[in-house]
Amino acid sequence: MPGRSRPAGRPDEALAATSRQPAQLLTVADLANVLQVTPAAVYALTSRGHIPQNAIFRIGRLLRFKRLEVEGWLDQGSHGATKTGAP
């Protein structure tokens, strides 16, 4: 997308760039940046159960994602995890 910068390199480098969040929570935009997808794709992945439930933190209607859980998910290479947690 024009005017939007994408992180170069690995997802963990993008995670390091989001360290400004208190309590190590990522916003939808942060996670979209890490995964190099749109925020709409993050919402879709969440609603379909592709993002582990233990990584999701809800504040009312807002979604936040626990940095350590996201890092573990990415380290496992579980991008295709299902609701049951199976790859």
N, C-alpha and C. Protein backbone atom coordinates (compact mmCIF):
# COMPACT_ATOMS: atom_id res chain seq x y z
N MET A 1 0.84 -1.19 0.00
CA MET A 1 0.00 0.00 0.00
C MET A 1 0.87 1.24 0.00
N PRO A 2 0.53 2.21 -0.77
CA PRO A 2 1.31 3.44 -0.78
C PRO A 2 1.18 4.16 0.55
N GLY A 3 2.28 4.72 0.99
CA GLY A 3 2.27 5.50 2.21
C GLY A 3 2.35 4.68 3.48
N ARG A 4 2.38 3.36 3.33
CA ARG A 4 2.44 2.48 4.49
C ARG A 4 3.74 1.72 4.46
N SER A 5 4.48 1.77 5.53
CA SER A 5 5.73 1.05 5.54
C SER A 5 5.52 -0.34 6.11
N ARG A 6 6.16 -1.30 5.53
CA ARG A 6 6.12 -2.68 5.98
C ARG A 6 7.45 -3.00 6.63
N PRO A 7 7.44 -3.77 7.71
CA PRO A 7 8.71 -4.10 8.34
C PRO A 7 9.52 -5.03 7.45
N ALA A 8 10.79 -4.77 7.41
CA ALA A 8 11.68 -5.64 6.65
C ALA A 8 12.15 -6.76 7.55
N GLY A 9 12.37 -7.91 6.97
CA GLY A 9 12.93 -8.99 7.75
C GLY A 9 11.89 -9.87 8.40
N ARG A 10 12.26 -10.45 9.53
CA ARG A 10 11.46 -11.46 10.20
C ARG A 10 10.39 -10.84 11.10
N PRO A 11 9.33 -11.63 11.40
CA PRO A 11 8.28 -11.12 12.28
C PRO A 11 8.78 -10.70 13.66
N ASP A 12 9.83 -11.37 14.19
CA ASP A 12 10.32 -10.99 15.51
C ASP A 12 10.95 -9.60 15.49
N GLU A 13 11.47 -9.18 14.35
CA GLU A 13 12.00 -7.82 14.23
C GLU A 13 10.86 -6.81 14.30
N ALA A 14 9.73 -7.15 13.68
CA ALA A 14 8.56 -6.28 13.73
C ALA A 14 8.00 -6.24 15.15
N LEU A 15 8.04 -7.37 15.85
CA LEU A 15 7.57 -7.39 17.24
C LEU A 15 8.42 -6.47 18.10
N ALA A 16 9.72 -6.46 17.88
CA ALA A 16 10.60 -5.61 18.66
C ALA A 16 10.27 -4.14 18.43
N ALA A 17 9.80 -3.81 17.25
CA ALA A 17 9.48 -2.43 16.92
C ALA A 17 8.19 -1.97 17.59
N THR A 18 7.41 -2.88 18.16
CA THR A 18 6.14 -2.52 18.78
C THR A 18 6.24 -2.44 20.30
N SER A 19 7.42 -2.32 20.83
CA SER A 19 7.62 -2.37 22.28
C SER A 19 7.05 -1.16 23.01
N ARG A 20 6.43 -0.23 22.31
CA ARG A 20 5.87 0.96 22.95
C ARG A 20 4.59 0.67 23.71
N GLN A 21 3.97 -0.49 23.49
CA GLN A 21 2.69 -0.82 24.12
C GLN A 21 2.88 -1.17 25.59
N PRO A 22 2.03 -0.62 26.48
CA PRO A 22 2.12 -0.98 27.90
C PRO A 22 1.71 -2.42 28.10
N ALA A 23 2.28 -3.04 29.11
CA ALA A 23 1.97 -4.41 29.50
C ALA A 23 2.18 -5.40 28.36
N GLN A 24 2.98 -5.02 27.40
CA GLN A 24 3.33 -5.90 26.30
C GLN A 24 2.11 -6.41 25.53
N LEU A 25 1.16 -5.54 25.31
CA LEU A 25 0.00 -5.88 24.50
C LEU A 25 0.14 -5.24 23.12
N LEU A 26 -0.26 -5.99 22.11
CA LEU A 26 -0.22 -5.49 20.74
C LEU A 26 -1.64 -5.10 20.32
N THR A 27 -1.75 -4.04 19.55
CA THR A 27 -3.03 -3.66 18.98
C THR A 27 -3.26 -4.48 17.71
N VAL A 28 -4.45 -4.38 17.16
CA VAL A 28 -4.74 -5.04 15.88
C VAL A 28 -3.77 -4.53 14.82
N ALA A 29 -3.54 -3.23 14.80
CA ALA A 29 -2.62 -2.65 13.81
C ALA A 29 -1.19 -3.17 14.01
N ASP A 30 -0.77 -3.31 15.28
CA ASP A 30 0.56 -3.85 15.56
C ASP A 30 0.70 -5.27 15.02
N LEU A 31 -0.29 -6.12 15.34
CA LEU A 31 -0.23 -7.50 14.89
C LEU A 31 -0.31 -7.59 13.37
N ALA A 32 -1.12 -6.75 12.76
CA ALA A 32 -1.19 -6.72 11.30
C ALA A 32 0.17 -6.39 10.71
N ASN A 33 0.86 -5.45 11.32
CA ASN A 33 2.19 -5.06 10.87
C ASN A 33 3.17 -6.23 11.01
N VAL A 34 3.11 -6.93 12.13
CA VAL A 34 3.99 -8.07 12.37
C VAL A 34 3.75 -9.17 11.34
N LEU A 35 2.48 -9.48 11.09
CA LEU A 35 2.13 -10.56 10.17
C LEU A 35 2.14 -10.11 8.71
N GLN A 36 2.29 -8.82 8.49
CA GLN A 36 2.29 -8.22 7.16
C GLN A 36 0.99 -8.51 6.43
N VAL A 37 -0.11 -8.27 7.15
CA VAL A 37 -1.46 -8.39 6.60
C VAL A 37 -2.23 -7.13 6.97
N THR A 38 -3.45 -7.02 6.50
CA THR A 38 -4.28 -5.86 6.85
C THR A 38 -4.93 -6.07 8.22
N PRO A 39 -5.35 -5.00 8.89
CA PRO A 39 -6.10 -5.17 10.13
C PRO A 39 -7.37 -6.02 9.94
N ALA A 40 -8.02 -5.89 8.78
CA ALA A 40 -9.21 -6.72 8.51
C ALA A 40 -8.84 -8.20 8.51
N ALA A 41 -7.67 -8.53 8.02
CA ALA A 41 -7.22 -9.93 8.02
C ALA A 41 -7.00 -10.43 9.45
N VAL A 42 -6.49 -9.55 10.33
CA VAL A 42 -6.31 -9.94 11.74
C VAL A 42 -7.66 -10.24 12.37
N TYR A 43 -8.65 -9.40 12.12
CA TYR A 43 -10.00 -9.66 12.65
C TYR A 43 -10.54 -10.98 12.11
N ALA A 44 -10.32 -11.24 10.83
CA ALA A 44 -10.81 -12.49 10.23
C ALA A 44 -10.09 -13.70 10.84
N LEU A 45 -8.78 -13.61 11.00
CA LEU A 45 -8.02 -14.71 11.60
C LEU A 45 -8.48 -14.98 13.02
N THR A 46 -8.77 -13.90 13.75
CA THR A 46 -9.23 -14.03 15.13
C THR A 46 -10.60 -14.70 15.17
N SER A 47 -11.52 -14.23 14.36
CA SER A 47 -12.89 -14.76 14.40
C SER A 47 -12.95 -16.20 13.92
N ARG A 48 -12.03 -16.60 13.06
CA ARG A 48 -12.01 -17.98 12.55
C ARG A 48 -11.22 -18.93 13.45
N GLY A 49 -10.62 -18.38 14.51
CA GLY A 49 -9.90 -19.22 15.45
C GLY A 49 -8.48 -19.57 15.04
N HIS A 50 -7.92 -18.83 14.09
CA HIS A 50 -6.56 -19.12 13.63
C HIS A 50 -5.48 -18.50 14.52
N ILE A 51 -5.87 -17.57 15.35
CA ILE A 51 -4.94 -16.99 16.32
C ILE A 51 -5.27 -17.65 17.66
N PRO A 52 -4.28 -18.19 18.36
CA PRO A 52 -4.56 -18.90 19.61
C PRO A 52 -5.33 -18.03 20.60
N GLN A 53 -6.33 -18.63 21.24
CA GLN A 53 -7.17 -17.90 22.19
C GLN A 53 -6.36 -17.34 23.35
N ASN A 54 -5.29 -18.05 23.77
CA ASN A 54 -4.50 -17.55 24.89
C ASN A 54 -3.68 -16.31 24.53
N ALA A 55 -3.64 -15.96 23.24
CA ALA A 55 -2.93 -14.75 22.81
C ALA A 55 -3.86 -13.55 22.73
N ILE A 56 -5.17 -13.79 22.82
CA ILE A 56 -6.16 -12.72 22.63
C ILE A 56 -6.61 -12.18 23.98
N PHE A 57 -6.62 -10.85 24.08
CA PHE A 57 -7.06 -10.17 25.29
C PHE A 57 -8.11 -9.15 24.87
N ARG A 58 -9.29 -9.28 25.40
CA ARG A 58 -10.38 -8.36 25.02
C ARG A 58 -10.57 -7.30 26.10
N ILE A 59 -10.72 -6.08 25.64
CA ILE A 59 -11.04 -4.95 26.51
C ILE A 59 -12.35 -4.40 25.95
N GLY A 60 -13.44 -4.88 26.50
CA GLY A 60 -14.74 -4.53 25.92
C GLY A 60 -14.80 -5.08 24.51
N ARG A 61 -14.99 -4.20 23.55
CA ARG A 61 -15.04 -4.60 22.14
C ARG A 61 -13.67 -4.55 21.48
N LEU A 62 -12.67 -4.04 22.18
CA LEU A 62 -11.33 -3.92 21.61
C LEU A 62 -10.56 -5.21 21.75
N LEU A 63 -9.72 -5.49 20.77
CA LEU A 63 -8.85 -6.65 20.82
C LEU A 63 -7.42 -6.20 21.07
N ARG A 64 -6.76 -6.92 21.93
CA ARG A 64 -5.33 -6.75 22.13
C ARG A 64 -4.74 -8.15 22.09
N PHE A 65 -3.45 -8.23 21.82
CA PHE A 65 -2.79 -9.52 21.71
C PHE A 65 -1.56 -9.54 22.61
N LYS A 66 -1.44 -10.60 23.39
CA LYS A 66 -0.33 -10.74 24.34
C LYS A 66 0.94 -11.05 23.57
N ARG A 67 1.90 -10.14 23.71
CA ARG A 67 3.16 -10.24 22.95
C ARG A 67 3.84 -11.59 23.13
N LEU A 68 3.98 -12.06 24.35
CA LEU A 68 4.70 -13.31 24.59
C LEU A 68 3.99 -14.50 23.95
N GLU A 69 2.66 -14.50 23.99
CA GLU A 69 1.91 -15.59 23.37
C GLU A 69 2.03 -15.53 21.85
N VAL A 70 2.01 -14.33 21.29
CA VAL A 70 2.18 -14.17 19.85
C VAL A 70 3.57 -14.65 19.44
N GLU A 71 4.59 -14.29 20.21
CA GLU A 71 5.95 -14.73 19.90
C GLU A 71 6.05 -16.25 19.92
N GLY A 72 5.43 -16.88 20.93
CA GLY A 72 5.44 -18.34 21.01
C GLY A 72 4.74 -18.97 19.82
N TRP A 73 3.61 -18.39 19.43
CA TRP A 73 2.85 -18.88 18.28
C TRP A 73 3.69 -18.79 17.01
N LEU A 74 4.35 -17.66 16.83
CA LEU A 74 5.19 -17.49 15.64
C LEU A 74 6.40 -18.41 15.67
N ASP A 75 7.00 -18.59 16.86
CA ASP A 75 8.15 -19.49 16.99
C ASP A 75 7.79 -20.92 16.64
N GLN A 76 6.56 -21.32 16.95
CA GLN A 76 6.11 -22.68 16.65
C GLN A 76 5.77 -22.85 15.17
N GLY A 77 5.69 -21.74 14.46
CA GLY A 77 5.32 -21.80 13.06
C GLY A 77 3.87 -22.18 12.89
N SER A 78 3.03 -21.79 13.85
CA SER A 78 1.63 -22.19 13.86
C SER A 78 0.74 -21.19 13.16
N HIS A 79 1.16 -20.65 12.06
CA HIS A 79 0.34 -19.68 11.34
C HIS A 79 -0.98 -20.29 10.89
N GLY A 80 -1.00 -21.61 10.69
CA GLY A 80 -2.20 -22.26 10.23
C GLY A 80 -2.94 -22.99 11.33
N ALA A 81 -2.73 -22.61 12.59
CA ALA A 81 -3.39 -23.30 13.70
C ALA A 81 -4.90 -23.18 13.57
N THR A 82 -5.58 -24.21 13.99
CA THR A 82 -7.04 -24.20 13.95
C THR A 82 -7.58 -23.98 15.34
N LYS A 83 -8.90 -23.98 15.46
CA LYS A 83 -9.53 -23.75 16.76
C LYS A 83 -9.11 -24.80 17.78
N THR A 84 -8.78 -25.99 17.32
CA THR A 84 -8.37 -27.05 18.24
C THR A 84 -6.88 -26.98 18.55
N GLY A 85 -6.18 -26.09 17.86
CA GLY A 85 -4.76 -25.93 18.10
C GLY A 85 -3.91 -26.81 17.21
N ALA A 86 -4.52 -27.65 16.39
CA ALA A 86 -3.76 -28.53 15.49
C ALA A 86 -3.33 -27.75 14.26
N PRO A 87 -2.12 -28.03 13.74
CA PRO A 87 -1.67 -27.33 12.54
C PRO A 87 -2.46 -27.69 11.32
